[in-house]
C-alpha atoms as a PDB file:
ATOM      1  CA  UNK A   1     -30.411  42.893 -26.105  1.00  0.00           C
ATOM      2  CA  UNK A   2     -29.700  46.392 -27.655  1.00  0.00           C
ATOM      3  CA  UNK A   3     -32.792  48.161 -28.312  1.00  0.00           C
ATOM      4  CA  UNK A   4     -33.269  50.037 -31.805  1.00  0.00           C
ATOM      5  CA  UNK A   5     -32.967  53.756 -31.699  1.00  0.00           C
ATOM      6  CA  UNK A   6     -35.633  55.871 -32.789  1.00  0.00           C
ATOM      7  CA  UNK A   7     -35.464  57.383 -36.332  1.00  0.00           C
ATOM      8  CA  UNK A   8     -34.773  60.663 -35.158  1.00  0.00           C
ATOM      9  CA  UNK A   9     -31.234  59.922 -33.784  1.00  0.00           C
ATOM     10  CA  UNK A  10     -28.232  58.060 -35.144  1.00  0.00           C
ATOM     11  CA  UNK A  11     -27.128  54.429 -34.238  1.00  0.00           C
ATOM     12  CA  UNK A  12     -24.719  56.142 -31.817  1.00  0.00           C
ATOM     13  CA  UNK A  13     -27.786  58.356 -30.593  1.00  0.00           C
ATOM     14  CA  UNK A  14     -26.719  61.130 -31.990  1.00  0.00           C
ATOM     15  CA  UNK A  15     -29.465  63.704 -32.956  1.00  0.00           C
ATOM     16  CA  UNK A  16     -30.351  63.819 -36.584  1.00  0.00           C
ATOM     17  CA  UNK A  17     -30.363  67.431 -37.906  1.00  0.00           C
ATOM     18  CA  UNK A  18     -32.925  67.746 -40.140  1.00  0.00           C
ATOM     19  CA  UNK A  19     -32.268  70.784 -43.457  1.00  0.00           C
ATOM     20  CA  UNK A  20     -35.226  72.765 -44.241  1.00  0.00           C
ATOM     21  CA  UNK A  21     -35.487  74.313 -47.259  1.00  0.00           C
ATOM     22  CA  UNK A  22     -35.137  78.065 -46.911  1.00  0.00           C
ATOM     23  CA  UNK A  23     -38.127  79.868 -48.803  1.00  0.00           C
ATOM     24  CA  UNK A  24     -37.656  83.576 -49.503  1.00  0.00           C
ATOM     25  CA  UNK A  25     -40.668  85.714 -48.595  1.00  0.00           C
ATOM     26  CA  UNK A  26     -42.314  87.750 -51.715  1.00  0.00           C
ATOM     27  CA  UNK A  27     -44.672  90.849 -51.758  1.00  0.00           C
ATOM     28  CA  UNK A  28     -47.884  90.323 -53.963  1.00  0.00           C
ATOM     29  CA  UNK A  29     -47.765  92.905 -56.844  1.00  0.00           C
ATOM     30  CA  UNK A  30     -51.585  93.324 -55.793  1.00  0.00           C
ATOM     31  CA  UNK A  31     -50.558  93.627 -51.936  1.00  0.00           C
ATOM     32  CA  UNK A  32     -52.096  97.042 -50.318  1.00  0.00           C
ATOM     33  CA  UNK A  33     -48.879  96.539 -48.252  1.00  0.00           C
ATOM     34  CA  UNK A  34     -45.028  96.336 -49.005  1.00  0.00           C
ATOM     35  CA  UNK A  35     -44.190  95.163 -45.535  1.00  0.00           C
ATOM     36  CA  UNK A  36     -43.094  91.673 -44.983  1.00  0.00           C
ATOM     37  CA  UNK A  37     -44.979  89.564 -42.337  1.00  0.00           C
ATOM     38  CA  UNK A  38     -41.586  89.033 -40.672  1.00  0.00           C
ATOM     39  CA  UNK A  39     -40.745  92.557 -40.509  1.00  0.00           C
ATOM     40  CA  UNK A  40     -44.407  93.674 -39.001  1.00  0.00           C
ATOM     41  CA  UNK A  41     -43.430  92.335 -35.206  1.00  0.00           C
ATOM     42  CA  UNK A  42     -41.742  94.299 -32.821  1.00  0.00           C
ATOM     43  CA  UNK A  43     -41.601  95.734 -29.332  1.00  0.00           C
ATOM     44  CA  UNK A  44     -43.078  98.689 -27.828  1.00  0.00           C
ATOM     45  CA  UNK A  45     -40.711 101.456 -27.111  1.00  0.00           C
ATOM     46  CA  UNK A  46     -42.544 102.562 -23.835  1.00  0.00           C
ATOM     47  CA  UNK A  47     -43.194  99.384 -21.736  1.00  0.00           C
ATOM     48  CA  UNK A  48     -41.065  96.552 -24.331  1.00  0.00           C
ATOM     49  CA  UNK A  49     -43.681  94.058 -24.889  1.00  0.00           C
ATOM     50  CA  UNK A  50     -44.556  92.522 -28.196  1.00  0.00           C
ATOM     51  CA  UNK A  51     -46.739  94.247 -30.864  1.00  0.00           C
ATOM     52  CA  UNK A  52     -47.440  94.006 -34.390  1.00  0.00           C
ATOM     53  CA  UNK A  53     -47.629  96.445 -36.675  1.00  0.00           C
ATOM     54  CA  UNK A  54     -50.456  96.673 -39.402  1.00  0.00           C
ATOM     55  CA  UNK A  55     -51.508  99.069 -42.142  1.00  0.00           C
ATOM     56  CA  UNK A  56     -54.790 101.081 -42.216  1.00  0.00           C
ATOM     57  CA  UNK A  57     -56.684 101.814 -45.181  1.00  0.00           C
ATOM     58  CA  UNK A  58     -56.412 105.687 -44.375  1.00  0.00           C
ATOM     59  CA  UNK A  59     -54.085 106.514 -41.890  1.00  0.00           C
ATOM     60  CA  UNK A  60     -51.018 105.270 -40.453  1.00  0.00           C
ATOM     61  CA  UNK A  61     -50.149 102.162 -39.122  1.00  0.00           C
ATOM     62  CA  UNK A  62     -51.461 101.036 -35.987  1.00  0.00           C
ATOM     63  CA  UNK A  63     -49.818  98.957 -33.363  1.00  0.00           C
ATOM     64  CA  UNK A  64     -51.603  96.045 -32.374  1.00  0.00           C
ATOM     65  CA  UNK A  65     -51.816  93.476 -29.379  1.00  0.00           C
ATOM     66  CA  UNK A  66     -50.150  89.978 -30.781  1.00  0.00           C
ATOM     67  CA  UNK A  67     -52.721  87.877 -29.810  1.00  0.00           C
ATOM     68  CA  UNK A  68     -56.308  87.517 -30.257  1.00  0.00           C
ATOM     69  CA  UNK A  69     -58.671  88.334 -27.452  1.00  0.00           C
ATOM     70  CA  UNK A  70     -62.472  86.996 -26.876  1.00  0.00           C
ATOM     71  CA  UNK A  71     -64.785  89.933 -28.457  1.00  0.00           C
ATOM     72  CA  UNK A  72     -66.820  89.665 -25.087  1.00  0.00           C
ATOM     73  CA  UNK A  73     -63.972  90.642 -22.940  1.00  0.00           C
ATOM     74  CA  UNK A  74     -63.299  93.525 -25.457  1.00  0.00           C
ATOM     75  CA  UNK A  75     -65.445  96.912 -25.900  1.00  0.00           C
ATOM     76  CA  UNK A  76     -66.864  97.462 -28.812  1.00  0.00           C
ATOM     77  CA  UNK A  77     -64.924 100.679 -29.252  1.00  0.00           C
ATOM     78  CA  UNK A  78     -61.718  98.966 -29.195  1.00  0.00           C
ATOM     79  CA  UNK A  79     -62.459  95.638 -31.078  1.00  0.00           C
ATOM     80  CA  UNK A  80     -60.314  95.794 -34.234  1.00  0.00           C
ATOM     81  CA  UNK A  81     -59.998  92.974 -37.223  1.00  0.00           C
ATOM     82  CA  UNK A  82     -57.350  92.358 -39.511  1.00  0.00           C
ATOM     83  CA  UNK A  83     -58.417  91.684 -43.356  1.00  0.00           C
ATOM     84  CA  UNK A  84     -55.594  90.608 -46.256  1.00  0.00           C
ATOM     85  CA  UNK A  85     -52.785  92.866 -44.053  1.00  0.00           C
ATOM     86  CA  UNK A  86     -54.675  95.783 -43.579  1.00  0.00           C
ATOM     87  CA  UNK A  87     -56.281  96.491 -39.688  1.00  0.00           C
ATOM     88  CA  UNK A  88     -59.856  97.757 -39.709  1.00  0.00           C
ATOM     89  CA  UNK A  89     -61.483  99.757 -36.438  1.00  0.00           C
ATOM     90  CA  UNK A  90     -64.312  97.330 -35.792  1.00  0.00           C
ATOM     91  CA  UNK A  91     -65.417  93.769 -35.481  1.00  0.00           C
ATOM     92  CA  UNK A  92     -65.993  91.444 -38.245  1.00  0.00           C
ATOM     93  CA  UNK A  93     -68.574  89.262 -36.392  1.00  0.00           C
ATOM     94  CA  UNK A  94     -66.510  86.733 -35.371  1.00  0.00           C
ATOM     95  CA  UNK A  95     -65.771  85.501 -31.875  1.00  0.00           C
ATOM     96  CA  UNK A  96     -62.506  87.051 -31.754  1.00  0.00           C
ATOM     97  CA  UNK A  97     -60.894  90.138 -32.481  1.00  0.00           C
ATOM     98  CA  UNK A  98     -58.025  92.266 -32.159  1.00  0.00           C
ATOM     99  CA  UNK A  99     -56.864  95.028 -29.274  1.00  0.00           C
ATOM    100  CA  UNK A 100     -54.743  98.441 -29.929  1.00  0.00           C
ATOM    101  CA  UNK A 101     -51.625  97.855 -28.019  1.00  0.00           C
ATOM    102  CA  UNK A 102     -52.074 101.704 -26.485  1.00  0.00           C
ATOM    103  CA  UNK A 103     -55.370 100.278 -24.595  1.00  0.00           C
ATOM    104  CA  UNK A 104     -53.246  98.407 -22.653  1.00  0.00           C
ATOM    105  CA  UNK A 105     -50.046  99.680 -22.637  1.00  0.00           C
ATOM    106  CA  UNK A 106     -48.658  99.604 -18.830  1.00  0.00           C
ATOM    107  CA  UNK A 107     -46.320 103.013 -19.366  1.00  0.00           C
ATOM    108  CA  UNK A 108     -49.250 104.725 -20.346  1.00  0.00           C
ATOM    109  CA  UNK A 109     -51.861 106.681 -17.727  1.00  0.00           C
ATOM    110  CA  UNK A 110     -54.427 107.655 -20.319  1.00  0.00           C
ATOM    111  CA  UNK A 111     -56.853 107.178 -21.752  1.00  0.00           C
ATOM    112  CA  UNK A 112     -57.887 104.729 -18.584  1.00  0.00           C
ATOM    113  CA  UNK A 113     -57.821 101.220 -19.333  1.00  0.00           C
ATOM    114  CA  UNK A 114     -61.357  99.464 -19.888  1.00  0.00           C
ATOM    115  CA  UNK A 115     -62.428  97.399 -16.777  1.00  0.00           C
ATOM    116  CA  UNK A 116     -62.724  94.362 -18.841  1.00  0.00           C
ATOM    117  CA  UNK A 117     -58.858  94.596 -20.073  1.00  0.00           C
ATOM    118  CA  UNK A 118     -57.337  95.469 -16.194  1.00  0.00           C
ATOM    119  CA  UNK A 119     -56.206  91.728 -16.144  1.00  0.00           C
ATOM    120  CA  UNK A 120     -54.265  91.895 -19.489  1.00  0.00           C
ATOM    121  CA  UNK A 121     -52.835  95.522 -18.734  1.00  0.00           C
ATOM    122  CA  UNK A 122     -51.434  93.998 -15.109  1.00  0.00           C
ATOM    123  CA  UNK A 123     -50.071  90.983 -17.034  1.00  0.00           C
ATOM    124  CA  UNK A 124     -48.271  93.112 -19.600  1.00  0.00           C
ATOM    125  CA  UNK A 125     -47.159  95.365 -16.633  1.00  0.00           C
ATOM    126  CA  UNK A 126     -45.471  92.451 -14.919  1.00  0.00           C
ATOM    127  CA  UNK A 127     -43.742  91.369 -18.218  1.00  0.00           C
ATOM    128  CA  UNK A 128     -42.174  94.868 -18.404  1.00  0.00           C
ATOM    129  CA  UNK A 129     -40.858  94.370 -14.922  1.00  0.00           C
ATOM    130  CA  UNK A 130     -39.291  91.262 -15.664  1.00  0.00           C
ATOM    131  CA  UNK A 131     -37.732  92.545 -19.120  1.00  0.00           C
ATOM    132  CA  UNK A 132     -36.304  95.396 -17.008  1.00  0.00           C
ATOM    133  CA  UNK A 133     -34.864  93.062 -14.301  1.00  0.00           C
ATOM    134  CA  UNK A 134     -33.255  90.583 -16.918  1.00  0.00           C
ATOM    135  CA  UNK A 135     -31.553  93.914 -18.560  1.00  0.00           C
ATOM    136  CA  UNK A 136     -33.311  93.031 -21.997  1.00  0.00           C
ATOM    137  CA  UNK A 137     -35.488  96.079 -21.935  1.00  0.00           C
ATOM    138  CA  UNK A 138     -34.898 100.077 -20.596  1.00  0.00           C
ATOM    139  CA  UNK A 139     -37.406 102.123 -20.235  1.00  0.00           C
ATOM    140  CA  UNK A 140     -36.797 105.701 -22.111  1.00  0.00           C
ATOM    141  CA  UNK A 141     -35.839 108.278 -19.465  1.00  0.00           C
ATOM    142  CA  UNK A 142     -38.269 111.087 -18.567  1.00  0.00           C
ATOM    143  CA  UNK A 143     -38.161 114.112 -20.005  1.00  0.00           C
ATOM    144  CA  UNK A 144     -36.145 116.590 -17.567  1.00  0.00           C
ATOM    145  CA  UNK A 145     -38.271 119.349 -16.436  1.00  0.00           C
ATOM    146  CA  UNK A 146     -35.141 121.689 -16.018  1.00  0.00           C
ATOM    147  CA  UNK A 147     -33.880 123.784 -19.157  1.00  0.00           C
ATOM    148  CA  UNK A 148     -33.186 122.166 -22.213  1.00  0.00           C
ATOM    149  CA  UNK A 149     -29.623 121.179 -22.653  1.00  0.00           C
ATOM    150  CA  UNK A 150     -27.388 122.859 -25.355  1.00  0.00           C
ATOM    151  CA  UNK A 151     -26.738 119.731 -27.257  1.00  0.00           C
ATOM    152  CA  UNK A 152     -30.517 118.855 -26.823  1.00  0.00           C
ATOM    153  CA  UNK A 153     -31.063 122.177 -28.761  1.00  0.00           C
ATOM    154  CA  UNK A 154     -28.608 121.865 -31.204  1.00  0.00           C
ATOM    155  CA  UNK A 155     -29.822 118.434 -32.461  1.00  0.00           C
ATOM    156  CA  UNK A 156     -33.655 117.388 -31.790  1.00  0.00           C
ATOM    157  CA  UNK A 157     -34.653 113.958 -31.761  1.00  0.00           C
ATOM    158  CA  UNK A 158     -37.889 114.701 -33.532  1.00  0.00           C
ATOM    159  CA  UNK A 159     -37.850 117.370 -36.235  1.00  0.00           C
ATOM    160  CA  UNK A 160     -40.715 118.497 -38.249  1.00  0.00           C
ATOM    161  CA  UNK A 161     -40.524 117.252 -42.316  1.00  0.00           C
ATOM    162  CA  UNK A 162     -43.032 118.813 -44.659  1.00  0.00           C
ATOM    163  CA  UNK A 163     -43.445 116.698 -47.977  1.00  0.00           C
ATOM    164  CA  UNK A 164     -46.274 116.552 -50.465  1.00  0.00           C
ATOM    165  CA  UNK A 165     -47.970 119.613 -48.943  1.00  0.00           C
ATOM    166  CA  UNK A 166     -48.208 117.785 -45.677  1.00  0.00           C
ATOM    167  CA  UNK A 167     -46.372 117.916 -42.666  1.00  0.00           C
ATOM    168  CA  UNK A 168     -45.108 114.727 -40.684  1.00  0.00           C
ATOM    169  CA  UNK A 169     -42.745 114.501 -37.336  1.00  0.00           C
ATOM    170  CA  UNK A 170     -40.148 111.921 -37.624  1.00  0.00           C
ATOM    171  CA  UNK A 171     -38.936 109.613 -35.009  1.00  0.00           C
ATOM    172  CA  UNK A 172     -35.370 110.400 -35.498  1.00  0.00           C
ATOM    173  CA  UNK A 173     -33.064 113.538 -37.054  1.00  0.00           C
ATOM    174  CA  UNK A 174     -32.997 114.088 -40.570  1.00  0.00           C
ATOM    175  CA  UNK A 175     -29.377 112.718 -40.942  1.00  0.00           C
ATOM    176  CA  UNK A 176     -30.686 109.238 -39.226  1.00  0.00           C
ATOM    177  CA  UNK A 177     -33.512 108.632 -41.447  1.00  0.00           C
ATOM    178  CA  UNK A 178     -32.678 104.992 -42.292  1.00  0.00           C
ATOM    179  CA  UNK A 179     -34.259 103.041 -45.370  1.00  0.00           C
ATOM    180  CA  UNK A 180     -36.650 100.170 -44.306  1.00  0.00           C
ATOM    181  CA  UNK A 181     -36.333  98.079 -47.873  1.00  0.00           C
ATOM    182  CA  UNK A 182     -34.908  94.663 -47.268  1.00  0.00           C
ATOM    183  CA  UNK A 183     -31.513  93.844 -48.742  1.00  0.00           C
ATOM    184  CA  UNK A 184     -30.657  90.671 -50.887  1.00  0.00           C
ATOM    185  CA  UNK A 185     -28.884  89.360 -47.657  1.00  0.00           C
ATOM    186  CA  UNK A 186     -32.536  89.391 -45.760  1.00  0.00           C
ATOM    187  CA  UNK A 187     -31.303  92.328 -43.464  1.00  0.00           C
ATOM    188  CA  UNK A 188     -32.643  95.956 -43.252  1.00  0.00           C
ATOM    189  CA  UNK A 189     -31.032  98.617 -45.896  1.00  0.00           C
ATOM    190  CA  UNK A 190     -28.387 101.052 -43.652  1.00  0.00           C
ATOM    191  CA  UNK A 191     -28.451 103.576 -46.265  1.00  0.00           C
ATOM    192  CA  UNK A 192     -29.866 106.978 -44.937  1.00  0.00           C
ATOM    193  CA  UNK A 193     -32.168 108.976 -46.847  1.00  0.00           C
ATOM    194  CA  UNK A 194     -30.211 111.877 -47.152  1.00  0.00           C
ATOM    195  CA  UNK A 195     -26.955 111.260 -49.204  1.00  0.00           C
ATOM    196  CA  UNK A 196     -24.509 113.277 -51.042  1.00  0.00           C
ATOM    197  CA  UNK A 197     -25.579 114.417 -54.292  1.00  0.00           C
ATOM    198  CA  UNK A 198     -29.193 113.910 -53.822  1.00  0.00           C
ATOM    199  CA  UNK A 199     -31.523 116.758 -53.919  1.00  0.00           C
ATOM    200  CA  UNK A 200     -32.124 117.616 -50.228  1.00  0.00           C
ATOM    201  CA  UNK A 201     -34.824 120.455 -48.496  1.00  0.00           C
ATOM    202  CA  UNK A 202     -34.007 123.369 -46.947  1.00  0.00           C
ATOM    203  CA  UNK A 203     -34.842 124.543 -43.564  1.00  0.00           C
ATOM    204  CA  UNK A 204     -37.810 127.202 -43.478  1.00  0.00           C
ATOM    205  CA  UNK A 205     -39.791 129.233 -41.149  1.00  0.00           C
ATOM    206  CA  UNK A 206     -43.782 128.467 -41.547  1.00  0.00           C
ATOM    207  CA  UNK A 207     -46.836 129.616 -40.144  1.00  0.00           C
ATOM    208  CA  UNK A 208     -47.416 127.522 -37.146  1.00  0.00           C
ATOM    209  CA  UNK A 209     -51.379 127.056 -37.929  1.00  0.00           C
ATOM    210  CA  UNK A 210     -53.871 125.025 -36.310  1.00  0.00           C
ATOM    211  CA  UNK A 211     -55.771 122.447 -37.284  1.00  0.00           C
ATOM    212  CA  UNK A 212     -59.828 123.254 -38.317  1.00  0.00           C
ATOM    213  CA  UNK A 213     -61.452 123.589 -35.168  1.00  0.00           C
ATOM    214  CA  UNK A 214     -58.660 123.878 -32.451  1.00  0.00           C
ATOM    215  CA  UNK A 215     -57.402 126.938 -30.933  1.00  0.00           C
ATOM    216  CA  UNK A 216     -54.824 129.367 -32.250  1.00  0.00           C
ATOM    217  CA  UNK A 217     -51.143 128.090 -31.059  1.00  0.00           C
ATOM    218  CA  UNK A 218     -48.904 130.231 -29.041  1.00  0.00           C
ATOM    219  CA  UNK A 219     -46.330 130.628 -31.419  1.00  0.00           C
ATOM    220  CA  UNK A 220     -46.673 132.429 -34.666  1.00  0.00           C
ATOM    221  CA  UNK A 221     -43.931 130.423 -37.060  1.00  0.00           C
ATOM    222  CA  UNK A 222     -42.247 127.234 -36.525  1.00  0.00           C
ATOM    223  CA  UNK A 223     -39.281 125.771 -37.966  1.00  0.00           C
ATOM    224  CA  UNK A 224     -39.342 122.778 -40.418  1.00  0.00           C
ATOM    225  CA  UNK A 225     -37.527 120.605 -43.054  1.00  0.00           C
ATOM    226  CA  UNK A 226     -38.934 121.325 -46.584  1.00  0.00           C
ATOM    227  CA  UNK A 227     -39.006 118.859 -49.032  1.00  0.00           C
ATOM    228  CA  UNK A 228     -41.884 120.679 -51.450  1.00  0.00           C
ATOM    229  CA  UNK A 229     -39.380 122.094 -53.759  1.00  0.00           C
ATOM    230  CA  UNK A 230     -37.376 118.945 -54.394  1.00  0.00           C
ATOM    231  CA  UNK A 231     -38.739 117.023 -57.555  1.00  0.00           C
ATOM    232  CA  UNK A 232     -41.871 114.997 -56.995  1.00  0.00           C
ATOM    233  CA  UNK A 233     -40.228 111.480 -57.713  1.00  0.00           C
ATOM    234  CA  UNK A 234     -37.932 112.609 -54.554  1.00  0.00           C
ATOM    235  CA  UNK A 235     -40.897 113.294 -52.381  1.00  0.00           C
ATOM    236  CA  UNK A 236     -42.406 110.008 -53.020  1.00  0.00           C
ATOM    237  CA  UNK A 237     -38.882 108.299 -52.181  1.00  0.00           C
ATOM    238  CA  UNK A 238     -38.987 110.448 -48.753  1.00  0.00           C
ATOM    239  CA  UNK A 239     -42.785 109.515 -48.143  1.00  0.00           C
ATOM    240  CA  UNK A 240     -41.865 105.367 -48.792  1.00  0.00           C
ATOM    241  CA  UNK A 241     -38.780 106.006 -46.744  1.00  0.00           C
ATOM    242  CA  UNK A 242     -36.187 104.561 -49.550  1.00  0.00           C
ATOM    243  CA  UNK A 243     -33.228 104.871 -50.633  1.00  0.00           C
ATOM    244  CA  UNK A 244     -32.512 105.619 -54.011  1.00  0.00           C
ATOM    245  CA  UNK A 245     -30.800 102.295 -54.836  1.00  0.00           C
ATOM    246  CA  UNK A 246     -34.299 100.696 -53.229  1.00  0.00           C
ATOM    247  CA  UNK A 247     -36.459 103.382 -54.640  1.00  0.00           C
ATOM    248  CA  UNK A 248     -35.530 102.345 -58.138  1.00  0.00           C
ATOM    249  CA  UNK A 249     -36.388  98.517 -57.279  1.00  0.00           C
ATOM    250  CA  UNK A 250     -40.269  98.614 -56.365  1.00  0.00           C
ATOM    251  CA  UNK A 251     -39.765  94.703 -55.993  1.00  0.00           C
ATOM    252  CA  UNK A 252     -38.057  95.051 -53.023  1.00  0.00           C
ATOM    253  CA  UNK A 253     -40.076  94.416 -49.691  1.00  0.00           C
ATOM    254  CA  UNK A 254     -39.966  96.287 -46.445  1.00  0.00           C
ATOM    255  CA  UNK A 255     -38.581  94.900 -43.317  1.00  0.00           C
ATOM    256  CA  UNK A 256     -39.750  98.042 -40.950  1.00  0.00           C
ATOM    257  CA  UNK A 257     -42.796 100.319 -40.738  1.00  0.00           C
ATOM    258  CA  UNK A 258     -42.070 103.911 -42.163  1.00  0.00           C
ATOM    259  CA  UNK A 259     -41.783 106.346 -39.219  1.00  0.00           C
ATOM    260  CA  UNK A 260     -43.733 109.078 -40.426  1.00  0.00           C
ATOM    261  CA  UNK A 261     -46.154 110.409 -38.019  1.00  0.00           C
ATOM    262  CA  UNK A 262     -48.667 112.855 -39.132  1.00  0.00           C
ATOM    263  CA  UNK A 263     -48.097 116.038 -37.399  1.00  0.00           C
ATOM    264  CA  UNK A 264     -50.571 117.392 -35.045  1.00  0.00           C
ATOM    265  CA  UNK A 265     -49.626 120.827 -33.890  1.00  0.00           C
ATOM    266  CA  UNK A 266     -51.275 120.893 -30.687  1.00  0.00           C
ATOM    267  CA  UNK A 267     -50.315 117.295 -29.872  1.00  0.00           C
ATOM    268  CA  UNK A 268     -46.920 117.887 -30.853  1.00  0.00           C
ATOM    269  CA  UNK A 269     -45.977 121.441 -29.360  1.00  0.00           C
ATOM    270  CA  UNK A 270     -43.123 120.289 -27.643  1.00  0.00           C
ATOM    271  CA  UNK A 271     -41.298 119.672 -30.962  1.00  0.00           C
ATOM    272  CA  UNK A 272     -41.889 122.785 -32.507  1.00  0.00           C
ATOM    273  CA  UNK A 273     -39.050 125.636 -32.831  1.00  0.00           C
ATOM    274  CA  UNK A 274     -39.242 129.125 -33.497  1.00  0.00           C
ATOM    275  CA  UNK A 275     -35.570 129.667 -34.836  1.00  0.00           C
ATOM    276  CA  UNK A 276     -33.709 128.137 -37.467  1.00  0.00           C
ATOM    277  CA  UNK A 277     -31.097 125.407 -37.304  1.00  0.00           C
ATOM    278  CA  UNK A 278     -27.242 126.188 -37.378  1.00  0.00           C
ATOM    279  CA  UNK A 279     -24.098 124.695 -38.259  1.00  0.00           C
ATOM    280  CA  UNK A 280     -21.786 126.522 -36.078  1.00  0.00           C
ATOM    281  CA  UNK A 281     -21.909 128.339 -32.303  1.00  0.00           C
ATOM    282  CA  UNK A 282     -21.432 131.694 -31.021  1.00  0.00           C
ATOM    283  CA  UNK A 283     -20.946 132.523 -27.819  1.00  0.00           C
ATOM    284  CA  UNK A 284     -23.882 133.864 -26.432  1.00  0.00           C
ATOM    285  CA  UNK A 285     -26.065 132.966 -28.946  1.00  0.00           C
ATOM    286  CA  UNK A 286     -28.612 130.279 -28.289  1.00  0.00           C
ATOM    287  CA  UNK A 287     -28.039 127.461 -31.376  1.00  0.00           C
ATOM    288  CA  UNK A 288     -30.938 125.265 -32.783  1.00  0.00           C
ATOM    289  CA  UNK A 289     -30.998 121.758 -34.682  1.00  0.00           C
ATOM    290  CA  UNK A 290     -29.313 121.343 -37.977  1.00  0.00           C
ATOM    291  CA  UNK A 291     -27.965 122.611 -41.174  1.00  0.00           C
ATOM    292  CA  UNK A 292     -29.429 125.748 -43.374  1.00  0.00           C
ATOM    293  CA  UNK A 293     -27.809 126.502 -46.333  1.00  0.00           C
ATOM    294  CA  UNK A 294     -25.841 129.591 -47.433  1.00  0.00           C
ATOM    295  CA  UNK A 295     -25.124 130.479 -43.758  1.00  0.00           C
ATOM    296  CA  UNK A 296     -23.212 129.749 -41.200  1.00  0.00           C
ATOM    297  CA  UNK A 297     -25.705 130.869 -37.803  1.00  0.00           C
ATOM    298  CA  UNK A 298     -29.404 131.708 -38.424  1.00  0.00           C
ATOM    299  CA  UNK A 299     -30.373 135.194 -37.319  1.00  0.00           C
ATOM    300  CA  UNK A 300     -31.856 135.810 -34.018  1.00  0.00           C
ATOM    301  CA  UNK A 301     -35.830 136.483 -34.012  1.00  0.00           C
ATOM    302  CA  UNK A 302     -36.866 138.800 -31.667  1.00  0.00           C
ATOM    303  CA  UNK A 303     -39.851 137.884 -29.354  1.00  0.00           C
ATOM    304  CA  UNK A 304     -42.756 139.981 -29.752  1.00  0.00           C
ATOM    305  CA  UNK A 305     -42.708 140.639 -25.785  1.00  0.00           C
END
């Protein structure tokens, strides 16, 4: 006697494929963040472990550990909670809380990990080693102690951009800053922000002033990509990190977090350059990192010493 196959399989035993109805994610017009929930996840560039991005009410997005932890195991200064897609650095009174990834990132030595979270940091370090052994994650190379190579001087990895009268540190060269909007195919837009025909900024030397209450910097000037002279709408487009096509479509959601980081002259002193960029190289002249309109080679600054 032949038994009746389960309902999840055909008469011949082959599995039944259920067709799922695909629903498109939408951003609420009244929402604080335009970032889709599917775009908030990612991996730490230092250790390779999973993280989640959340916007804050006053500052840029923060990276949180993807899992909730018992409040009793997390120090009070490390507790975060999420409400309506926005992260707040405090507890909400519940028995569970969120944790910034920087506190337990195994690739960072400072600040020291609290004793209550030492076990979680060790487990993340073991997972990082597994990712490296499997070839899934490659740790970033350590900064060389020797002199900077000629190519690195010509094109810095993280230029300083000035827009809306604020200074930001970009995560990549100006020509490679990519749009964060979602396309109709539900992929991230591949268009850069700097396109031909659109108003572009200019490289300029500005005073390298320190923040209030900080000591003066050793360098008197630094090179920044100045966008304050372009129209206000263009500065908003750069701040939102959108190409002209998606800047005109405000209903398109974001699939990634904007790469802007508020510039701190003391914390980011290694990214300060005291010479303007150049477009060509001349023998015996140390070139900088970009283009300067109207000139082929930037003039050399005389050192005060």
